[in-house]
Amino acid sequence: MNLSSVYVTTASRSEAIVIGKAVVDLRLAACANIFDGVTSIYR
């Protein structure tokens, strides 16, 4: 099994949430974590 981690810098928390939801909804990622208080988005 291959695993990858991708870290992306965004201009705002709201932009990070939009991107996180999109990659999870498109099944490009199993989860997205938004760090600052740590918010996780899972499918």
N, C-alpha and C. Protein backbone atom coordinates (compact mmCIF):
# COMPACT_ATOMS: atom_id res chain seq x y z
N MET A 1 0.84 -1.16 0.00
CA MET A 1 0.00 0.00 0.00
C MET A 1 0.89 1.24 0.00
N ASN A 2 0.56 2.21 -0.86
CA ASN A 2 1.29 3.48 -0.92
C ASN A 2 0.50 4.56 -0.21
N LEU A 3 1.17 5.34 0.60
CA LEU A 3 0.56 6.45 1.30
C LEU A 3 1.29 7.73 0.96
N SER A 4 0.55 8.82 0.87
CA SER A 4 1.15 10.13 0.61
C SER A 4 0.53 11.16 1.53
N SER A 5 1.33 12.15 1.89
CA SER A 5 0.84 13.31 2.63
C SER A 5 1.11 14.54 1.78
N VAL A 6 0.15 15.42 1.73
CA VAL A 6 0.29 16.65 0.97
C VAL A 6 -0.06 17.81 1.88
N TYR A 7 0.82 18.80 1.96
CA TYR A 7 0.57 20.00 2.75
C TYR A 7 0.42 21.17 1.79
N VAL A 8 -0.63 21.95 1.98
CA VAL A 8 -0.92 23.08 1.10
C VAL A 8 -1.09 24.32 1.97
N THR A 9 -0.46 25.41 1.57
CA THR A 9 -0.65 26.69 2.24
C THR A 9 -1.73 27.47 1.51
N THR A 10 -2.69 28.00 2.26
CA THR A 10 -3.76 28.78 1.66
C THR A 10 -3.79 30.18 2.25
N ALA A 11 -4.49 31.07 1.60
CA ALA A 11 -4.58 32.45 2.04
C ALA A 11 -5.47 32.61 3.27
N SER A 12 -6.42 31.68 3.43
CA SER A 12 -7.35 31.80 4.55
C SER A 12 -7.86 30.42 4.97
N ARG A 13 -8.42 30.37 6.16
CA ARG A 13 -9.03 29.14 6.66
C ARG A 13 -10.20 28.72 5.77
N SER A 14 -11.00 29.70 5.34
CA SER A 14 -12.16 29.36 4.50
C SER A 14 -11.72 28.76 3.17
N GLU A 15 -10.63 29.24 2.60
CA GLU A 15 -10.10 28.65 1.37
C GLU A 15 -9.63 27.22 1.62
N ALA A 16 -9.00 26.98 2.75
CA ALA A 16 -8.54 25.63 3.09
C ALA A 16 -9.72 24.68 3.22
N ILE A 17 -10.81 25.14 3.81
CA ILE A 17 -12.00 24.30 3.96
C ILE A 17 -12.60 23.97 2.60
N VAL A 18 -12.68 24.95 1.71
CA VAL A 18 -13.21 24.70 0.35
C VAL A 18 -12.37 23.65 -0.36
N ILE A 19 -11.06 23.80 -0.32
CA ILE A 19 -10.16 22.85 -0.98
C ILE A 19 -10.27 21.48 -0.31
N GLY A 20 -10.27 21.44 1.01
CA GLY A 20 -10.38 20.16 1.73
C GLY A 20 -11.64 19.41 1.38
N LYS A 21 -12.77 20.11 1.39
CA LYS A 21 -14.05 19.47 1.04
C LYS A 21 -14.03 18.96 -0.39
N ALA A 22 -13.45 19.75 -1.30
CA ALA A 22 -13.41 19.35 -2.72
C ALA A 22 -12.60 18.07 -2.93
N VAL A 23 -11.41 17.99 -2.35
CA VAL A 23 -10.58 16.80 -2.58
C VAL A 23 -11.19 15.56 -1.92
N VAL A 24 -11.87 15.74 -0.80
CA VAL A 24 -12.54 14.60 -0.16
C VAL A 24 -13.77 14.19 -0.98
N ASP A 25 -14.58 15.17 -1.39
CA ASP A 25 -15.77 14.86 -2.20
C ASP A 25 -15.42 14.18 -3.52
N LEU A 26 -14.31 14.59 -4.13
CA LEU A 26 -13.86 13.98 -5.39
C LEU A 26 -13.10 12.68 -5.18
N ARG A 27 -12.97 12.28 -3.92
CA ARG A 27 -12.27 11.06 -3.54
C ARG A 27 -10.80 11.06 -3.95
N LEU A 28 -10.23 12.25 -3.98
CA LEU A 28 -8.80 12.38 -4.24
C LEU A 28 -8.02 12.24 -2.94
N ALA A 29 -8.74 12.37 -1.82
CA ALA A 29 -8.14 12.21 -0.50
C ALA A 29 -9.17 11.54 0.41
N ALA A 30 -8.67 10.74 1.34
CA ALA A 30 -9.55 10.10 2.32
C ALA A 30 -9.96 11.08 3.40
N CYS A 31 -9.10 12.05 3.68
CA CYS A 31 -9.42 13.07 4.68
C CYS A 31 -8.62 14.31 4.41
N ALA A 32 -9.07 15.41 4.99
CA ALA A 32 -8.35 16.68 4.92
C ALA A 32 -8.29 17.24 6.33
N ASN A 33 -7.13 17.66 6.76
CA ASN A 33 -6.95 18.26 8.09
C ASN A 33 -6.56 19.71 7.91
N ILE A 34 -7.27 20.58 8.60
CA ILE A 34 -6.97 22.00 8.56
C ILE A 34 -6.40 22.37 9.92
N PHE A 35 -5.12 22.71 9.94
CA PHE A 35 -4.42 23.00 11.19
C PHE A 35 -4.56 24.47 11.57
N ASP A 36 -4.90 24.70 12.74
CA ASP A 36 -4.82 25.95 13.50
C ASP A 36 -5.58 25.72 14.79
N GLY A 37 -6.56 24.90 14.73
CA GLY A 37 -7.23 24.37 15.89
C GLY A 37 -7.49 22.91 15.57
N VAL A 38 -7.04 22.47 14.44
CA VAL A 38 -7.18 21.19 13.79
C VAL A 38 -8.64 20.85 13.54
N THR A 39 -9.03 21.02 12.30
CA THR A 39 -10.34 20.62 11.81
C THR A 39 -10.12 19.50 10.81
N SER A 40 -10.84 18.42 10.95
CA SER A 40 -10.70 17.27 10.05
C SER A 40 -11.98 17.08 9.27
N ILE A 41 -11.84 16.75 7.98
CA ILE A 41 -12.98 16.48 7.10
C ILE A 41 -12.81 15.06 6.58
N TYR A 42 -13.77 14.22 6.83
CA TYR A 42 -13.71 12.82 6.41
C TYR A 42 -14.92 12.47 5.57
N ARG A 43 -14.75 11.45 4.75
CA ARG A 43 -15.88 10.90 4.00
C ARG A 43 -16.23 9.59 4.62
